[in-house]
């Protein structure tokens, strides 16, 4: 499994986070599979952190390989959409 993320695409949140530079485009990055909480396991805030930020995220489970997919066929390449919470 691969977890791809898109970041820095909301200017208001960028300002809240104190990000000074404003890229012209969003940033694409990956997270490790261990970033997922499975089987309703609890989430613990780390003792060593003084600030924990969160964002609500749209999650899309892609179920097919593809490249240069036309927009009219995009719906064939995902099977689930949900909401997640990203903690930083």
C-alpha atoms as a PDB file:
ATOM      1  CA  UNK A   1       0.000   0.000   0.000  1.00  0.00           C
ATOM      2  CA  UNK A   2       1.142   3.530  -0.732  1.00  0.00           C
ATOM      3  CA  UNK A   3      -0.220   6.655   0.916  1.00  0.00           C
ATOM      4  CA  UNK A   4       0.099   9.766  -1.232  1.00  0.00           C
ATOM      5  CA  UNK A   5      -0.752  13.153   0.244  1.00  0.00           C
ATOM      6  CA  UNK A   6      -1.258  16.628  -1.126  1.00  0.00           C
ATOM      7  CA  UNK A   7      -0.166  19.481   1.095  1.00  0.00           C
ATOM      8  CA  UNK A   8       0.144  23.228   1.276  1.00  0.00           C
ATOM      9  CA  UNK A   9      -2.903  23.663  -0.953  1.00  0.00           C
ATOM     10  CA  UNK A  10      -4.980  25.803   1.463  1.00  0.00           C
ATOM     11  CA  UNK A  11      -3.535  29.328   1.815  1.00  0.00           C
ATOM     12  CA  UNK A  12      -5.428  30.104   5.052  1.00  0.00           C
ATOM     13  CA  UNK A  13      -4.067  26.999   6.780  1.00  0.00           C
ATOM     14  CA  UNK A  14      -0.576  27.768   5.459  1.00  0.00           C
ATOM     15  CA  UNK A  15      -0.804  31.141   7.225  1.00  0.00           C
ATOM     16  CA  UNK A  16      -2.044  29.493  10.437  1.00  0.00           C
ATOM     17  CA  UNK A  17       0.956  27.138  10.346  1.00  0.00           C
ATOM     18  CA  UNK A  18       3.329  30.092   9.886  1.00  0.00           C
ATOM     19  CA  UNK A  19       4.487  29.016   6.445  1.00  0.00           C
ATOM     20  CA  UNK A  20       6.025  32.107   4.911  1.00  0.00           C
ATOM     21  CA  UNK A  21       6.836  30.955   1.382  1.00  0.00           C
ATOM     22  CA  UNK A  22       3.872  30.258  -0.859  1.00  0.00           C
ATOM     23  CA  UNK A  23       4.548  27.675  -3.547  1.00  0.00           C
ATOM     24  CA  UNK A  24       2.725  28.149  -6.820  1.00  0.00           C
ATOM     25  CA  UNK A  25       1.523  24.560  -6.675  1.00  0.00           C
ATOM     26  CA  UNK A  26       0.552  22.054  -4.022  1.00  0.00           C
ATOM     27  CA  UNK A  27       3.153  19.646  -2.641  1.00  0.00           C
ATOM     28  CA  UNK A  28       2.849  15.901  -3.234  1.00  0.00           C
ATOM     29  CA  UNK A  29       4.387  13.654  -0.569  1.00  0.00           C
ATOM     30  CA  UNK A  30       4.057  10.168   0.929  1.00  0.00           C
ATOM     31  CA  UNK A  31       3.374   8.850   4.420  1.00  0.00           C
ATOM     32  CA  UNK A  32       4.387   5.437   5.765  1.00  0.00           C
ATOM     33  CA  UNK A  33       1.758   2.723   6.087  1.00  0.00           C
ATOM     34  CA  UNK A  34       2.309   2.911   9.855  1.00  0.00           C
ATOM     35  CA  UNK A  35       0.572   6.317   9.774  1.00  0.00           C
ATOM     36  CA  UNK A  36      -2.766   4.496   9.539  1.00  0.00           C
ATOM     37  CA  UNK A  37      -4.686   3.548  12.666  1.00  0.00           C
ATOM     38  CA  UNK A  38      -6.307   0.188  12.079  1.00  0.00           C
ATOM     39  CA  UNK A  39      -9.027  -1.788  13.851  1.00  0.00           C
ATOM     40  CA  UNK A  40     -10.202   1.229  15.892  1.00  0.00           C
ATOM     41  CA  UNK A  41      -6.981   1.340  17.861  1.00  0.00           C
ATOM     42  CA  UNK A  42      -6.559   4.442  20.044  1.00  0.00           C
ATOM     43  CA  UNK A  43      -4.523   7.467  19.068  1.00  0.00           C
ATOM     44  CA  UNK A  44      -2.236   8.965  21.701  1.00  0.00           C
ATOM     45  CA  UNK A  45      -0.811  12.472  21.678  1.00  0.00           C
ATOM     46  CA  UNK A  46       2.943  12.203  22.192  1.00  0.00           C
ATOM     47  CA  UNK A  47       4.268  13.423  25.564  1.00  0.00           C
ATOM     48  CA  UNK A  48       7.243  15.106  23.888  1.00  0.00           C
ATOM     49  CA  UNK A  49       5.137  17.414  21.697  1.00  0.00           C
ATOM     50  CA  UNK A  50       4.047  20.903  22.730  1.00  0.00           C
ATOM     51  CA  UNK A  51       1.848  21.444  19.678  1.00  0.00           C
ATOM     52  CA  UNK A  52      -0.272  18.980  17.725  1.00  0.00           C
ATOM     53  CA  UNK A  53      -2.088  20.320  14.662  1.00  0.00           C
ATOM     54  CA  UNK A  54      -4.782  18.481  12.767  1.00  0.00           C
ATOM     55  CA  UNK A  55      -6.507  18.643   9.416  1.00  0.00           C
ATOM     56  CA  UNK A  56      -9.534  16.864   8.016  1.00  0.00           C
ATOM     57  CA  UNK A  57      -8.599  15.070   4.826  1.00  0.00           C
ATOM     58  CA  UNK A  58     -10.454  13.497   1.927  1.00  0.00           C
ATOM     59  CA  UNK A  59      -9.258   9.924   1.382  1.00  0.00           C
ATOM     60  CA  UNK A  60      -9.572   8.133  -1.955  1.00  0.00           C
ATOM     61  CA  UNK A  61      -8.772   4.427  -2.322  1.00  0.00           C
ATOM     62  CA  UNK A  62      -7.409   3.877  -5.822  1.00  0.00           C
ATOM     63  CA  UNK A  63      -7.992   0.339  -7.061  1.00  0.00           C
ATOM     64  CA  UNK A  64      -6.436   0.283 -10.550  1.00  0.00           C
ATOM     65  CA  UNK A  65      -3.173   1.233 -12.167  1.00  0.00           C
ATOM     66  CA  UNK A  66      -3.347   3.950 -14.754  1.00  0.00           C
ATOM     67  CA  UNK A  67      -1.479   6.716 -16.493  1.00  0.00           C
ATOM     68  CA  UNK A  68      -2.750   9.760 -18.400  1.00  0.00           C
ATOM     69  CA  UNK A  69      -6.359   8.873 -17.525  1.00  0.00           C
ATOM     70  CA  UNK A  70      -9.027  10.944 -19.225  1.00  0.00           C
ATOM     71  CA  UNK A  71     -11.337  12.732 -16.793  1.00  0.00           C
ATOM     72  CA  UNK A  72     -14.407  10.873 -18.099  1.00  0.00           C
ATOM     73  CA  UNK A  73     -12.798   7.539 -17.051  1.00  0.00           C
ATOM     74  CA  UNK A  74     -11.447   8.660 -13.647  1.00  0.00           C
ATOM     75  CA  UNK A  75     -14.391   7.140 -11.757  1.00  0.00           C
ATOM     76  CA  UNK A  76     -13.218   3.676 -12.862  1.00  0.00           C
ATOM     77  CA  UNK A  77      -9.941   4.022 -10.941  1.00  0.00           C
ATOM     78  CA  UNK A  78     -11.183   4.429  -7.369  1.00  0.00           C
ATOM     79  CA  UNK A  79     -13.511   2.350  -5.245  1.00  0.00           C
ATOM     80  CA  UNK A  80     -13.909   4.184  -1.922  1.00  0.00           C
ATOM     81  CA  UNK A  81     -13.971   7.767  -0.673  1.00  0.00           C
ATOM     82  CA  UNK A  82     -13.866   8.727   3.002  1.00  0.00           C
ATOM     83  CA  UNK A  83     -12.704  11.243   5.591  1.00  0.00           C
ATOM     84  CA  UNK A  84      -9.558  11.088   7.684  1.00  0.00           C
ATOM     85  CA  UNK A  85      -7.767  13.178  10.247  1.00  0.00           C
ATOM     86  CA  UNK A  86      -4.111  14.063   9.690  1.00  0.00           C
ATOM     87  CA  UNK A  87      -2.164  14.941  12.841  1.00  0.00           C
ATOM     88  CA  UNK A  88       1.090  16.891  12.611  1.00  0.00           C
END
